[in-house]
Amino acid sequence: SDIAYFDGTCTNCDVTIDQNITLQGLTMDATYTGTITHTTHTITVGNLGTEDGTTGTWSQAGGTFLGGSGAINMRRFFLSGGSFQSTSARMLVRYNADGTTATLLNYSGGSFLHNNGEVELYLSRRHSGISSNGRAYFDGSPYMTFYDLTIVAGDNVKGGDFDMRGNANIERHFSVSGQYYKGLSEMGWRTEM
């Protein structure tokens, strides 16, 4: 139920995740110079089944995250600095946006390494009613490169949009399911097969 916060005040802050963990948030500040090493265990950041917009964010501005082969689940992913190596399995970014507009992913800087894994952006809405919208921004340089990218319209998403802006590369598979996405024509998408 805690938010893990790493910054430059920590003197011995290299961490190895050797068990399944659940956090309400994870922040790697720009002053953090350590390394977090992920192994085969599952990392869950936030309650993926709630509309609570205050939890579940992975925010990285510094340091190094070395993804292993366990699943990584979160509600939002913001990368502005440092180095993030994803899992070789699946990194799920799932947001239940009940009548709101949610930024699931924002890449504005740093280094994203896909590790031959899948990234899934999953927008859902737990209740019927008002349309829900999702956003993913890829504004960093160099381009964010995915191995496999999946975009899903989940439970009860009707009439909403998924707006993607910026530039990204996809090296292997790209999959979109649902009736809600737009913006691909506005992006500098490149695929390498």
Protein backbone atom coordinates (compact mmCIF):
# COMPACT_ATOMS: atom_id res chain seq x y z
CA SER A 1 0.00 0.00 0.00
CA ASP A 2 3.06 2.27 -0.14
CA ILE A 3 4.68 4.37 -2.85
CA ALA A 4 8.34 3.43 -3.37
CA TYR A 5 10.42 6.58 -3.82
CA PHE A 6 14.08 6.49 -4.90
CA ASP A 7 16.19 9.66 -4.97
CA GLY A 8 19.75 10.88 -4.43
CA THR A 9 19.53 10.86 -0.63
CA CYS A 10 19.87 7.09 -0.65
CA THR A 11 23.50 5.95 -0.37
CA ASN A 12 23.13 2.21 -1.03
CA CYS A 13 20.07 1.98 -3.22
CA ASP A 14 20.67 -0.82 -5.67
CA VAL A 15 17.66 -3.10 -5.30
CA THR A 16 16.93 -6.63 -6.50
CA ILE A 17 13.27 -7.67 -6.63
CA ASP A 18 13.31 -11.30 -5.50
CA GLN A 19 9.61 -11.78 -4.72
CA ASN A 20 6.23 -10.69 -6.06
CA ILE A 21 5.52 -7.10 -5.00
CA THR A 22 2.50 -4.80 -5.04
CA LEU A 23 2.93 -1.04 -4.61
CA GLN A 24 0.62 1.96 -4.93
CA GLY A 25 3.25 3.80 -6.96
CA LEU A 26 6.92 3.80 -7.92
CA THR A 27 8.99 6.95 -8.43
CA MET A 28 12.63 7.06 -9.57
CA ASP A 29 13.65 10.70 -9.13
CA ALA A 30 16.11 12.46 -11.47
CA THR A 31 18.67 12.47 -8.61
CA TYR A 32 18.53 8.67 -8.23
CA THR A 33 21.64 6.99 -9.70
CA GLY A 34 21.05 3.41 -8.53
CA THR A 35 19.78 0.28 -10.27
CA ILE A 36 16.60 -1.72 -9.66
CA THR A 37 16.97 -5.28 -10.94
CA HIS A 38 13.83 -7.28 -11.72
CA THR A 39 14.00 -11.09 -11.89
CA THR A 40 11.23 -13.63 -12.52
CA HIS A 41 8.70 -12.17 -10.10
CA THR A 42 5.59 -10.07 -10.76
CA ILE A 43 5.57 -6.33 -10.11
CA THR A 44 2.15 -4.70 -9.69
CA VAL A 45 1.88 -0.93 -9.30
CA GLY A 46 -1.61 0.20 -8.27
CA ASN A 47 -4.97 -1.48 -8.14
CA LEU A 48 -5.74 -2.27 -11.76
CA GLY A 49 -9.44 -2.74 -11.00
CA THR A 50 -10.23 0.74 -9.70
CA GLU A 51 -10.92 4.17 -11.17
CA ASP A 52 -8.80 5.84 -8.47
CA GLY A 53 -6.62 8.21 -10.50
CA THR A 54 -4.14 8.88 -7.71
CA THR A 55 -2.37 5.52 -7.59
CA GLY A 56 -0.65 3.11 -9.89
CA THR A 57 1.86 5.39 -11.60
CA TRP A 58 5.39 4.28 -12.52
CA SER A 59 7.29 7.55 -12.88
CA GLN A 60 10.96 7.44 -13.85
CA ALA A 61 13.24 10.46 -14.32
CA GLY A 62 16.57 8.88 -13.30
CA GLY A 63 18.35 5.67 -12.39
CA THR A 64 18.28 2.32 -14.15
CA PHE A 65 15.59 -0.35 -14.17
CA LEU A 66 16.67 -3.76 -15.50
CA GLY A 67 13.61 -5.84 -16.37
CA GLY A 68 13.77 -9.61 -16.10
CA SER A 69 11.21 -12.19 -17.20
CA GLY A 70 8.37 -11.61 -14.73
CA ALA A 71 5.20 -9.70 -15.51
CA ILE A 72 5.02 -5.94 -14.86
CA ASN A 73 1.55 -4.43 -14.32
CA MET A 74 0.72 -0.77 -13.74
CA ARG A 75 -1.95 1.86 -14.34
CA ARG A 76 0.28 4.53 -15.91
CA PHE A 77 3.87 4.67 -17.19
CA PHE A 78 5.76 7.98 -17.37
CA LEU A 79 9.41 7.94 -18.54
CA SER A 80 11.28 11.26 -18.66
CA GLY A 81 14.85 10.20 -17.83
CA GLY A 82 17.09 7.34 -16.79
CA SER A 83 17.07 3.91 -18.42
CA PHE A 84 14.15 1.47 -18.40
CA GLN A 85 14.63 -2.08 -19.71
CA SER A 86 11.22 -3.74 -19.86
CA THR A 87 10.41 -7.35 -19.06
CA SER A 88 10.91 -10.05 -21.68
CA ALA A 89 7.33 -11.11 -20.87
CA ARG A 90 4.42 -8.61 -20.81
CA MET A 91 4.28 -5.09 -19.44
CA LEU A 92 0.61 -4.25 -18.93
CA VAL A 93 -0.52 -0.63 -18.59
CA ARG A 94 -4.22 -0.88 -17.70
CA TYR A 95 -6.38 2.08 -16.77
CA ASN A 96 -10.05 2.01 -15.81
CA ALA A 97 -11.18 5.42 -17.02
CA ASP A 98 -14.84 5.74 -16.12
CA GLY A 99 -15.91 8.82 -18.02
CA THR A 100 -12.47 10.45 -17.91
CA THR A 101 -9.51 10.95 -20.20
CA ALA A 102 -6.48 9.00 -18.98
CA THR A 103 -2.85 9.28 -20.06
CA LEU A 104 -1.66 5.68 -19.92
CA LEU A 105 1.84 6.29 -21.27
CA ASN A 106 4.00 9.38 -21.59
CA TYR A 107 7.53 9.00 -22.97
CA SER A 108 9.31 12.34 -22.94
CA GLY A 109 12.94 11.30 -22.42
CA GLY A 110 15.34 8.71 -21.12
CA SER A 111 15.96 5.31 -22.64
CA PHE A 112 13.34 2.58 -23.18
CA LEU A 113 14.68 -0.91 -24.04
CA HIS A 114 11.99 -3.42 -25.03
CA ASN A 115 13.89 -6.64 -24.03
CA ASN A 116 11.94 -8.54 -26.74
CA GLY A 117 8.80 -8.30 -24.64
CA GLU A 118 5.24 -7.09 -25.17
CA VAL A 119 3.77 -3.77 -24.05
CA GLU A 120 -0.02 -3.78 -23.76
CA LEU A 121 -1.98 -0.54 -23.35
CA TYR A 122 -5.42 -1.51 -22.06
CA LEU A 123 -8.16 1.08 -21.60
CA SER A 124 -11.24 -0.13 -19.78
CA ARG A 125 -14.30 1.27 -18.09
CA ARG A 126 -15.94 -0.56 -15.23
CA HIS A 127 -19.39 1.00 -15.60
CA SER A 128 -21.56 1.85 -18.57
CA GLY A 129 -22.40 5.46 -19.26
CA ILE A 130 -20.06 8.28 -20.23
CA SER A 131 -17.38 7.64 -22.86
CA SER A 132 -13.82 7.02 -21.67
CA ASN A 133 -10.75 8.23 -23.54
CA GLY A 134 -7.13 7.13 -23.49
CA ARG A 135 -3.89 8.84 -24.47
CA ALA A 136 -0.36 7.71 -25.21
CA TYR A 137 2.32 10.30 -25.97
CA PHE A 138 5.66 9.38 -27.50
CA ASP A 139 7.59 12.64 -27.47
CA GLY A 140 11.03 11.43 -26.42
CA SER A 141 14.14 11.27 -28.52
CA PRO A 142 15.23 8.82 -29.78
CA TYR A 143 11.94 7.19 -30.78
CA MET A 144 10.42 4.75 -28.30
CA THR A 145 10.95 1.30 -29.80
CA PHE A 146 8.61 -1.59 -29.04
CA TYR A 147 9.10 -5.26 -29.86
CA ASP A 148 5.38 -6.11 -29.60
CA LEU A 149 2.75 -3.42 -28.97
CA THR A 150 -0.88 -4.26 -28.23
CA ILE A 151 -3.65 -1.70 -27.75
CA VAL A 152 -6.94 -2.97 -26.32
CA ALA A 153 -10.38 -1.48 -25.72
CA GLY A 154 -11.59 -3.36 -22.68
CA ASP A 155 -14.74 -3.63 -20.63
CA ASN A 156 -17.62 -1.32 -21.59
CA VAL A 157 -15.52 1.11 -23.63
CA LYS A 158 -17.95 2.64 -26.11
CA GLY A 159 -17.71 5.92 -27.93
CA GLY A 160 -14.31 6.84 -26.53
CA ASP A 161 -11.08 7.60 -28.35
CA PHE A 162 -7.50 6.46 -27.92
CA ASP A 163 -5.29 9.32 -29.01
CA MET A 164 -1.64 8.52 -29.79
CA ARG A 165 0.82 11.26 -30.65
CA GLY A 166 4.52 11.31 -31.35
CA ASN A 167 6.90 8.84 -32.89
CA ALA A 168 7.53 5.18 -32.19
CA ASN A 169 9.06 2.12 -33.79
CA ILE A 170 7.57 -1.37 -33.66
CA GLU A 171 10.00 -4.17 -34.47
CA ARG A 172 7.68 -7.17 -34.58
CA HIS A 173 3.92 -7.22 -33.87
CA PHE A 174 1.35 -4.44 -33.61
CA SER A 175 -2.20 -5.26 -32.63
CA VAL A 176 -5.24 -3.02 -32.06
CA SER A 177 -8.60 -4.29 -30.89
CA GLY A 178 -11.71 -2.32 -30.11
CA GLN A 179 -13.59 0.54 -31.71
CA TYR A 180 -12.03 3.51 -30.04
CA TYR A 181 -8.59 4.40 -31.30
CA LYS A 182 -7.48 7.26 -33.50
CA GLY A 183 -4.30 9.08 -34.19
CA LEU A 184 -2.22 6.50 -36.07
CA SER A 185 -2.19 8.68 -39.14
CA GLU A 186 -0.84 11.54 -37.04
CA MET A 187 2.05 9.50 -35.73
CA GLY A 188 5.44 8.86 -37.23
CA TRP A 189 4.96 5.08 -36.89
CA ARG A 190 7.68 2.91 -38.32
CA THR A 191 7.71 -0.87 -38.33
CA GLU A 192 10.68 -3.13 -38.94
CA MET A 193 9.74 -6.68 -39.85
